[in-house]
N, C-alpha and C. Protein backbone atom coordinates (compact mmCIF):
# COMPACT_ATOMS: atom_id res chain seq x y z
N UNK A 1 -7.06 13.83 -43.52
CA UNK A 1 -7.49 12.98 -42.42
C UNK A 1 -6.37 12.92 -41.37
N UNK A 2 -6.74 13.12 -40.14
CA UNK A 2 -5.79 12.99 -39.02
C UNK A 2 -5.73 11.54 -38.58
N UNK A 3 -4.54 11.07 -38.29
CA UNK A 3 -4.34 9.70 -37.83
C UNK A 3 -3.49 9.70 -36.58
N UNK A 4 -3.90 8.88 -35.61
CA UNK A 4 -3.13 8.73 -34.36
C UNK A 4 -2.36 7.42 -34.43
N UNK A 5 -1.04 7.51 -34.23
CA UNK A 5 -0.16 6.35 -34.26
C UNK A 5 0.31 6.03 -32.84
N UNK A 6 0.27 4.78 -32.45
CA UNK A 6 0.76 4.32 -31.15
C UNK A 6 2.09 3.62 -31.38
N UNK A 7 3.12 4.11 -30.68
CA UNK A 7 4.47 3.58 -30.88
C UNK A 7 5.08 3.16 -29.55
N UNK A 8 6.03 2.25 -29.61
CA UNK A 8 6.71 1.74 -28.43
C UNK A 8 8.20 1.66 -28.71
N UNK A 9 8.99 2.17 -27.78
CA UNK A 9 10.44 2.02 -27.86
C UNK A 9 10.80 0.77 -27.06
N UNK A 10 11.33 -0.22 -27.72
CA UNK A 10 11.67 -1.46 -27.03
C UNK A 10 12.97 -1.36 -26.24
N UNK A 11 13.69 -0.24 -26.41
CA UNK A 11 14.92 -0.05 -25.66
C UNK A 11 14.63 0.48 -24.25
N UNK A 12 13.76 1.51 -24.17
CA UNK A 12 13.50 2.13 -22.85
C UNK A 12 12.04 1.96 -22.40
N UNK A 13 11.24 1.21 -23.14
CA UNK A 13 9.83 0.94 -22.81
C UNK A 13 8.95 2.19 -22.78
N UNK A 14 9.28 3.20 -23.57
CA UNK A 14 8.45 4.39 -23.67
C UNK A 14 7.32 4.12 -24.65
N UNK A 15 6.10 4.40 -24.22
CA UNK A 15 4.91 4.28 -25.06
C UNK A 15 4.44 5.69 -25.36
N UNK A 16 4.26 6.02 -26.63
CA UNK A 16 3.79 7.36 -26.96
C UNK A 16 2.91 7.34 -28.19
N UNK A 17 2.16 8.45 -28.35
CA UNK A 17 1.24 8.61 -29.47
C UNK A 17 1.66 9.81 -30.30
N UNK A 18 1.48 9.69 -31.60
CA UNK A 18 1.73 10.79 -32.52
C UNK A 18 0.47 10.97 -33.35
N UNK A 19 -0.08 12.18 -33.34
CA UNK A 19 -1.25 12.48 -34.16
C UNK A 19 -0.81 13.45 -35.25
N UNK A 20 -1.01 13.06 -36.50
CA UNK A 20 -0.53 13.85 -37.62
C UNK A 20 -1.37 13.59 -38.86
N UNK A 21 -1.26 14.50 -39.82
CA UNK A 21 -1.87 14.28 -41.13
C UNK A 21 -0.90 13.57 -42.07
N UNK A 22 0.39 13.67 -41.79
CA UNK A 22 1.41 13.15 -42.69
C UNK A 22 2.50 12.44 -41.88
N UNK A 23 2.64 11.16 -42.06
CA UNK A 23 3.59 10.35 -41.28
C UNK A 23 4.78 9.95 -42.14
N UNK A 24 5.33 10.90 -42.90
CA UNK A 24 6.46 10.58 -43.78
C UNK A 24 7.75 10.39 -43.01
N UNK A 25 7.97 11.20 -41.97
CA UNK A 25 9.20 11.09 -41.20
C UNK A 25 8.88 10.41 -39.86
N UNK A 26 9.45 9.27 -39.63
CA UNK A 26 9.18 8.53 -38.39
C UNK A 26 9.77 9.27 -37.20
N UNK A 27 9.06 9.32 -36.09
CA UNK A 27 9.60 9.98 -34.89
C UNK A 27 10.70 9.15 -34.25
N UNK A 28 11.44 9.78 -33.37
CA UNK A 28 12.45 9.07 -32.60
C UNK A 28 12.15 9.23 -31.12
N UNK A 29 12.59 8.29 -30.35
CA UNK A 29 12.40 8.34 -28.91
C UNK A 29 13.45 9.26 -28.29
N UNK A 30 13.21 9.70 -27.08
CA UNK A 30 14.18 10.56 -26.38
C UNK A 30 15.46 9.81 -26.06
N UNK A 31 15.42 8.49 -26.03
CA UNK A 31 16.63 7.72 -25.76
C UNK A 31 17.52 7.62 -27.00
N UNK A 32 17.03 8.10 -28.14
CA UNK A 32 17.77 8.19 -29.39
C UNK A 32 18.20 6.83 -29.96
N UNK A 33 17.35 5.84 -29.82
CA UNK A 33 17.57 4.55 -30.45
C UNK A 33 16.42 4.29 -31.43
N UNK A 34 16.42 4.95 -32.59
CA UNK A 34 15.28 4.85 -33.50
C UNK A 34 15.06 3.44 -34.06
N UNK A 35 16.10 2.63 -34.10
CA UNK A 35 15.91 1.27 -34.61
C UNK A 35 15.13 0.39 -33.63
N UNK A 36 14.93 0.86 -32.42
CA UNK A 36 14.18 0.11 -31.42
C UNK A 36 12.71 0.52 -31.37
N UNK A 37 12.28 1.42 -32.25
CA UNK A 37 10.92 1.94 -32.25
C UNK A 37 10.03 1.06 -33.12
N UNK A 38 8.90 0.61 -32.54
CA UNK A 38 7.96 -0.21 -33.31
C UNK A 38 6.59 0.45 -33.29
N UNK A 39 5.86 0.27 -34.37
CA UNK A 39 4.51 0.80 -34.51
C UNK A 39 3.53 -0.25 -34.00
N UNK A 40 2.76 0.11 -32.97
CA UNK A 40 1.79 -0.83 -32.41
C UNK A 40 0.47 -0.81 -33.17
N UNK A 41 0.11 0.36 -33.67
CA UNK A 41 -1.14 0.46 -34.41
C UNK A 41 -1.49 1.91 -34.70
N UNK A 42 -2.59 2.10 -35.40
CA UNK A 42 -3.04 3.44 -35.73
C UNK A 42 -4.55 3.46 -35.80
N UNK A 43 -5.12 4.68 -35.71
CA UNK A 43 -6.56 4.84 -35.79
C UNK A 43 -6.88 6.24 -36.30
N UNK A 44 -8.07 6.39 -36.83
CA UNK A 44 -8.52 7.68 -37.32
C UNK A 44 -8.71 8.63 -36.15
N UNK A 45 -8.14 9.83 -36.25
CA UNK A 45 -8.25 10.83 -35.19
C UNK A 45 -8.91 12.10 -35.68
N UNK A 46 -9.61 12.01 -36.81
CA UNK A 46 -10.28 13.17 -37.36
C UNK A 46 -11.46 13.55 -36.48
N UNK A 47 -11.54 14.82 -36.13
CA UNK A 47 -12.63 15.33 -35.29
C UNK A 47 -13.62 16.05 -36.18
N UNK A 48 -14.88 15.67 -36.07
CA UNK A 48 -15.92 16.35 -36.84
C UNK A 48 -16.67 17.33 -35.97
N UNK A 49 -17.38 18.24 -36.59
CA UNK A 49 -18.15 19.24 -35.85
C UNK A 49 -19.18 18.55 -34.95
N UNK A 50 -19.78 17.50 -35.43
CA UNK A 50 -20.80 16.79 -34.65
C UNK A 50 -20.22 16.17 -33.38
N UNK A 51 -19.01 15.59 -33.48
CA UNK A 51 -18.42 14.96 -32.30
C UNK A 51 -18.00 16.00 -31.27
N UNK A 52 -17.57 17.19 -31.71
CA UNK A 52 -17.18 18.25 -30.78
C UNK A 52 -18.40 18.80 -30.06
N UNK A 53 -19.49 19.00 -30.77
CA UNK A 53 -20.69 19.55 -30.13
C UNK A 53 -21.30 18.55 -29.16
N UNK A 54 -21.12 17.28 -29.38
CA UNK A 54 -21.63 16.28 -28.44
C UNK A 54 -20.82 16.25 -27.15
N UNK A 55 -19.54 16.60 -27.21
CA UNK A 55 -18.68 16.58 -26.04
C UNK A 55 -18.70 17.89 -25.25
N UNK A 56 -19.01 18.98 -25.92
CA UNK A 56 -18.96 20.30 -25.30
C UNK A 56 -20.28 20.60 -24.62
N UNK A 57 -20.21 21.07 -23.36
CA UNK A 57 -21.44 21.41 -22.66
C UNK A 57 -21.99 22.73 -23.19
N UNK A 58 -23.28 22.91 -23.14
CA UNK A 58 -23.88 24.13 -23.70
C UNK A 58 -23.66 25.37 -22.83
N UNK A 59 -23.25 25.21 -21.56
CA UNK A 59 -23.05 26.35 -20.69
C UNK A 59 -21.72 27.04 -20.99
N UNK A 60 -21.70 28.33 -20.73
CA UNK A 60 -20.47 29.09 -20.88
C UNK A 60 -19.76 29.09 -19.53
N UNK A 61 -18.48 28.81 -19.52
CA UNK A 61 -17.71 28.75 -18.27
C UNK A 61 -16.77 29.95 -18.24
N UNK A 62 -16.79 30.67 -17.13
CA UNK A 62 -15.89 31.82 -16.99
C UNK A 62 -14.46 31.33 -16.84
N UNK A 63 -13.52 32.11 -17.37
CA UNK A 63 -12.11 31.78 -17.26
C UNK A 63 -11.70 31.83 -15.79
N UNK A 64 -10.83 30.91 -15.37
CA UNK A 64 -10.32 30.78 -14.00
C UNK A 64 -11.38 30.36 -12.99
N UNK A 65 -12.37 29.63 -13.44
CA UNK A 65 -13.38 29.06 -12.53
C UNK A 65 -13.44 27.57 -12.76
N UNK A 66 -13.94 26.85 -11.78
CA UNK A 66 -14.07 25.41 -11.88
C UNK A 66 -15.56 25.06 -11.84
N UNK A 67 -16.13 24.68 -12.98
CA UNK A 67 -17.57 24.36 -13.01
C UNK A 67 -17.91 23.02 -12.37
N UNK A 68 -16.89 22.26 -11.95
CA UNK A 68 -17.12 20.92 -11.42
C UNK A 68 -17.07 20.85 -9.90
N UNK A 69 -17.21 21.97 -9.24
CA UNK A 69 -17.21 21.97 -7.76
C UNK A 69 -18.46 21.33 -7.22
């Protein structure tokens, strides 16, 4: 199962997300103050075939074209 974690660095106010199957090693912020990192929450990020087919349009789009003109 994929899980998305929302984290905040209280030292530099960086908000970031980590999506992983295994959260054994906690990430660090670019400011390198890992003791200032707090976990705000997490949610399931597993993508199923059904959810992908609902989001993907049935038309084929040529590479290097913009279908939203």
